[in-house]
C-alpha atoms as a PDB file:
ATOM      1  CA  MET A   1      34.096 -31.568 -20.279  1.00  0.00           C
ATOM      2  CA  ILE A   2      34.005 -27.868 -18.780  1.00  0.00           C
ATOM      3  CA  TYR A   3      36.022 -26.734 -21.436  1.00  0.00           C
ATOM      4  CA  VAL A   4      33.888 -27.244 -24.250  1.00  0.00           C
ATOM      5  CA  LEU A   5      30.844 -25.839 -22.071  1.00  0.00           C
ATOM      6  CA  ALA A   6      32.743 -22.296 -22.001  1.00  0.00           C
ATOM      7  CA  ALA A   7      34.028 -22.568 -25.850  1.00  0.00           C
ATOM      8  CA  LEU A   8      30.611 -22.842 -26.616  1.00  0.00           C
ATOM      9  CA  LEU A   9      28.152 -20.690 -24.096  1.00  0.00           C
ATOM     10  CA  PRO A  10      30.554 -19.127 -22.122  1.00  0.00           C
ATOM     11  CA  PRO A  11      28.116 -17.489 -18.875  1.00  0.00           C
ATOM     12  CA  LEU A  12      26.940 -20.317 -18.369  1.00  0.00           C
ATOM     13  CA  GLY A  13      30.279 -22.057 -18.639  1.00  0.00           C
ATOM     14  CA  LEU A  14      31.709 -19.409 -16.024  1.00  0.00           C
ATOM     15  CA  LEU A  15      28.926 -19.750 -14.075  1.00  0.00           C
ATOM     16  CA  LEU A  16      29.336 -23.965 -14.015  1.00  0.00           C
ATOM     17  CA  ASN A  17      33.102 -23.304 -12.803  1.00  0.00           C
ATOM     18  CA  GLY A  18      31.864 -21.336  -9.779  1.00  0.00           C
ATOM     19  CA  GLN A  19      32.673 -17.700 -11.204  1.00  0.00           C
ATOM     20  CA  PRO A  20      29.845 -15.534 -11.507  1.00  0.00           C
ATOM     21  CA  PHE A  21      31.242 -12.047 -11.709  1.00  0.00           C
ATOM     22  CA  SER A  22      33.250 -13.277 -14.148  1.00  0.00           C
ATOM     23  CA  ALA A  23      29.963 -15.110 -15.874  1.00  0.00           C
ATOM     24  CA  VAL A  24      28.082 -11.439 -15.963  1.00  0.00           C
ATOM     25  CA  PHE A  25      31.216  -9.275 -17.013  1.00  0.00           C
ATOM     26  CA  ASN A  26      31.260 -12.272 -19.749  1.00  0.00           C
ATOM     27  CA  LEU A  27      27.460 -11.651 -20.381  1.00  0.00           C
ATOM     28  CA  VAL A  28      28.832  -7.838 -20.727  1.00  0.00           C
ATOM     29  CA  LEU A  29      31.761  -8.277 -22.864  1.00  0.00           C
ATOM     30  CA  ILE A  30      29.662 -10.528 -25.425  1.00  0.00           C
ATOM     31  CA  VAL A  31      27.283  -7.958 -26.256  1.00  0.00           C
ATOM     32  CA  LEU A  32      30.106  -5.321 -26.897  1.00  0.00           C
ATOM     33  CA  CYS A  33      31.989  -7.905 -28.979  1.00  0.00           C
ATOM     34  CA  VAL A  34      28.447  -8.601 -30.952  1.00  0.00           C
ATOM     35  CA  ILE A  35      28.492  -4.455 -31.164  1.00  0.00           C
ATOM     36  CA  PHE A  36      32.054  -4.237 -32.685  1.00  0.00           C
ATOM     37  CA  GLY A  37      32.052  -7.116 -34.397  1.00  0.00           C
ATOM     38  CA  LEU A  38      29.714  -6.640 -36.804  1.00  0.00           C
ATOM     39  CA  ILE A  39      32.976  -4.312 -38.123  1.00  0.00           C
ATOM     40  CA  PHE A  40      35.572  -6.686 -37.284  1.00  0.00           C
ATOM     41  CA  PRO A  41      34.228  -9.891 -37.135  1.00  0.00           C
ATOM     42  CA  VAL A  42      37.684 -11.239 -34.655  1.00  0.00           C
ATOM     43  CA  LEU A  43      35.869  -9.313 -31.876  1.00  0.00           C
ATOM     44  CA  LEU A  44      33.505 -12.894 -31.323  1.00  0.00           C
ATOM     45  CA  LEU A  45      36.320 -15.076 -30.335  1.00  0.00           C
ATOM     46  CA  VAL A  46      36.719 -12.841 -27.638  1.00  0.00           C
ATOM     47  CA  PRO A  47      34.059 -13.872 -25.229  1.00  0.00           C
ATOM     48  CA  SER A  48      34.430 -17.821 -25.441  1.00  0.00           C
ATOM     49  CA  ALA A  49      38.863 -16.753 -25.291  1.00  0.00           C
ATOM     50  CA  HIS A  50      38.119 -15.039 -21.944  1.00  0.00           C
ATOM     51  CA  ALA A  51      36.170 -18.013 -20.127  1.00  0.00           C
ATOM     52  CA  LEU A  52      38.160 -21.253 -21.182  1.00  0.00           C
ATOM     53  CA  ILE A  53      41.282 -18.797 -19.888  1.00  0.00           C
ATOM     54  CA  VAL A  54      38.661 -17.951 -17.089  1.00  0.00           C
ATOM     55  CA  VAL A  55      38.619 -21.791 -16.360  1.00  0.00           C
ATOM     56  CA  HIS A  56      41.924 -22.450 -16.729  1.00  0.00           C
ATOM     57  CA  ILE A  57      43.213 -20.621 -14.205  1.00  0.00           C
ATOM     58  CA  LYS A  58      40.885 -21.175 -11.821  1.00  0.00           C
ATOM     59  CA  ARG A  59      41.541 -25.451 -12.530  1.00  0.00           C
ATOM     60  CA  GLU A  60      45.277 -24.747 -12.010  1.00  0.00           C
ATOM     61  CA  ASP A  61      44.428 -22.638  -8.696  1.00  0.00           C
ATOM     62  CA  ARG A  62      42.508 -25.398  -8.126  1.00  0.00           C
ATOM     63  CA  ARG A  63      45.190 -27.671  -8.396  1.00  0.00           C
ATOM     64  CA  HIS A  64      48.317 -25.767  -6.907  1.00  0.00           C
ATOM     65  CA  ARG A  65      46.183 -25.687  -3.664  1.00  0.00           C
ATOM     66  CA  GLU A  66      45.868 -29.739  -3.811  1.00  0.00           C
ATOM     67  CA  VAL A  67      49.456 -30.139  -3.871  1.00  0.00           C
ATOM     68  CA  VAL A  68      50.659 -27.225  -1.097  1.00  0.00           C
ATOM     69  CA  GLU A  69      47.548 -29.033   0.794  1.00  0.00           C
ATOM     70  CA  ALA A  70      49.097 -32.532  -0.303  1.00  0.00           C
ATOM     71  CA  ILE A  71      53.098 -31.496   1.028  1.00  0.00           C
ATOM     72  CA  ARG A  72      51.533 -29.600   4.762  1.00  0.00           C
ATOM     73  CA  GLN A  73      50.151 -32.561   5.275  1.00  0.00           C
ATOM     74  CA  HIS A  74      52.885 -35.379   4.122  1.00  0.00           C
ATOM     75  CA  GLY A  75      55.733 -33.277   4.026  1.00  0.00           C
ATOM     76  CA  PRO A  76      58.006 -33.146   0.748  1.00  0.00           C
ATOM     77  CA  PRO A  77      59.114 -35.777  -1.297  1.00  0.00           C
ATOM     78  CA  PRO A  78      62.066 -37.819  -1.267  1.00  0.00           C
ATOM     79  CA  GLY A  79      64.885 -35.431  -2.717  1.00  0.00           C
ATOM     80  CA  TYR A  80      63.641 -32.300  -2.622  1.00  0.00           C
ATOM     81  CA  PRO A  81      66.128 -29.483  -1.517  1.00  0.00           C
ATOM     82  CA  ARG A  82      64.868 -27.871   2.171  1.00  0.00           C
END
């Protein structure tokens, strides 16, 4: 659901994902892309792409931290080389 929100309303999606600085940067990016998007229409997709990439990176970082914490608590999985 956060991906849909990030694609349609990038700053709001970033804020709800806990990234206020990226949301402010995205607002600036939206203004610039709307101005230059009149000449190059593909630039209108840049803020949404930025939000999707940033949300994906943050979610992967959270998932990585959860795996590392599970390994610290329970040890490595069976057959894992030490």
